[in-house]
Amino acid sequence: MTDANTHVETNIVYIGKKVTMAYVLAVITQLNQGEDTVIIKARGKTISKAVDVAEIVKNKFVNTLKIKSINISTEEIITENETPMKVSAIEIILNK
């Protein structure tokens, strides 16, 4: 179900359980498809992988890429047993 006010961001890469290079490829693909800005988002234990992805893309593949900003926050999620849990989050904004 789509709603007229729903806007899907295509330039966001969410970091999860895949290998680091899968996310590096996702970021490079976004840049090659004409995106000037790519946002890498991660929570909890995947934050270090998000930093690795940004650094690998910047240092090995797109030398002109700049880190525009890094935002950190704490998000509250509901666990499987329905208890609230606070988890750290990061958003790394890369710009051509």
Protein backbone atom coordinates (compact mmCIF):
# COMPACT_ATOMS: atom_id res chain seq x y z
CA MET A 1 0.00 0.00 0.00
CA THR A 2 1.47 3.31 -1.05
CA ASP A 3 0.37 6.64 0.18
CA ALA A 4 0.64 9.93 -1.70
CA ASN A 5 2.79 11.39 1.09
CA THR A 6 5.21 8.44 1.15
CA HIS A 7 8.60 9.25 -0.29
CA VAL A 8 11.08 6.42 -0.71
CA GLU A 9 14.68 7.50 -0.34
CA THR A 10 16.78 5.65 -2.89
CA ASN A 11 20.10 7.05 -1.72
CA ILE A 12 20.10 5.40 1.73
CA VAL A 13 22.16 2.28 2.43
CA TYR A 14 21.14 0.45 5.61
CA ILE A 15 23.95 -1.59 7.16
CA GLY A 16 23.04 -5.07 8.38
CA LYS A 17 24.50 -8.57 8.53
CA LYS A 18 25.97 -8.84 5.02
CA VAL A 19 29.72 -8.62 4.41
CA THR A 20 31.22 -5.14 4.32
CA MET A 21 31.99 -5.21 0.59
CA ALA A 22 28.30 -5.78 -0.22
CA TYR A 23 27.55 -2.37 1.30
CA VAL A 24 30.58 -0.79 -0.38
CA LEU A 25 29.17 -2.00 -3.70
CA ALA A 26 25.73 -0.61 -2.81
CA VAL A 27 27.19 2.84 -2.10
CA ILE A 28 29.27 2.82 -5.30
CA THR A 29 26.22 1.72 -7.30
CA GLN A 30 24.21 4.67 -5.93
CA LEU A 31 27.01 7.08 -6.88
CA ASN A 32 27.32 5.55 -10.37
CA GLN A 33 23.57 5.93 -10.89
CA GLY A 34 23.90 9.68 -10.52
CA GLU A 35 23.30 10.25 -6.81
CA ASP A 36 25.42 13.12 -5.47
CA THR A 37 24.67 12.22 -1.86
CA VAL A 38 24.52 8.77 -0.28
CA ILE A 39 23.47 8.21 3.33
CA ILE A 40 24.80 5.22 5.27
CA LYS A 41 22.66 4.28 8.28
CA ALA A 42 23.41 1.74 11.00
CA ARG A 43 22.37 0.83 14.53
CA GLY A 44 24.04 -0.97 17.40
CA LYS A 45 26.77 -3.46 16.53
CA THR A 46 26.74 -2.53 12.82
CA ILE A 47 27.98 1.02 13.47
CA SER A 48 31.64 0.02 13.06
CA LYS A 49 30.79 -1.67 9.75
CA ALA A 50 29.13 1.58 8.56
CA VAL A 51 32.33 3.50 9.34
CA ASP A 52 34.36 0.85 7.48
CA VAL A 53 32.08 1.13 4.43
CA ALA A 54 32.41 4.92 4.32
CA GLU A 55 36.20 4.78 4.67
CA ILE A 56 36.65 2.03 2.05
CA VAL A 57 34.51 3.87 -0.50
CA LYS A 58 36.25 7.18 0.20
CA ASN A 59 39.83 5.90 0.28
CA LYS A 60 39.86 3.08 -2.28
CA PHE A 61 37.13 3.77 -4.84
CA VAL A 62 35.99 7.43 -4.98
CA ASN A 63 38.88 9.65 -3.90
CA THR A 64 36.84 12.83 -4.47
CA LEU A 65 34.12 11.74 -2.05
CA LYS A 66 33.68 13.85 1.08
CA ILE A 67 32.04 13.05 4.38
CA LYS A 68 29.47 15.85 4.58
CA SER A 69 28.33 15.05 8.10
CA ILE A 70 28.00 12.33 10.71
CA ASN A 71 24.93 12.26 12.92
CA ILE A 72 24.64 10.09 16.01
CA SER A 73 21.55 9.38 18.04
CA THR A 74 19.85 6.93 20.35
CA GLU A 75 16.75 5.14 19.11
CA GLU A 76 14.30 3.20 21.19
CA ILE A 77 13.25 -0.12 19.70
CA ILE A 78 10.82 -2.72 20.97
CA THR A 79 12.40 -6.15 21.45
CA GLU A 80 10.72 -9.47 20.64
CA ASN A 81 9.42 -9.77 24.19
CA GLU A 82 7.96 -6.25 23.83
CA THR A 83 10.33 -4.44 26.17
CA PRO A 84 11.77 -1.09 25.06
CA MET A 85 15.53 -0.97 24.47
CA LYS A 86 17.72 1.98 23.60
CA VAL A 87 20.18 1.44 20.79
CA SER A 88 22.83 3.77 19.34
CA ALA A 89 22.50 4.84 15.72
CA ILE A 90 24.72 6.58 13.18
CA GLU A 91 24.06 8.31 9.89
CA ILE A 92 27.05 9.07 7.66
CA ILE A 93 26.30 11.44 4.78
CA LEU A 94 28.69 11.15 1.84
CA ASN A 95 28.80 13.77 -0.90
CA LYS A 96 30.52 13.83 -4.31
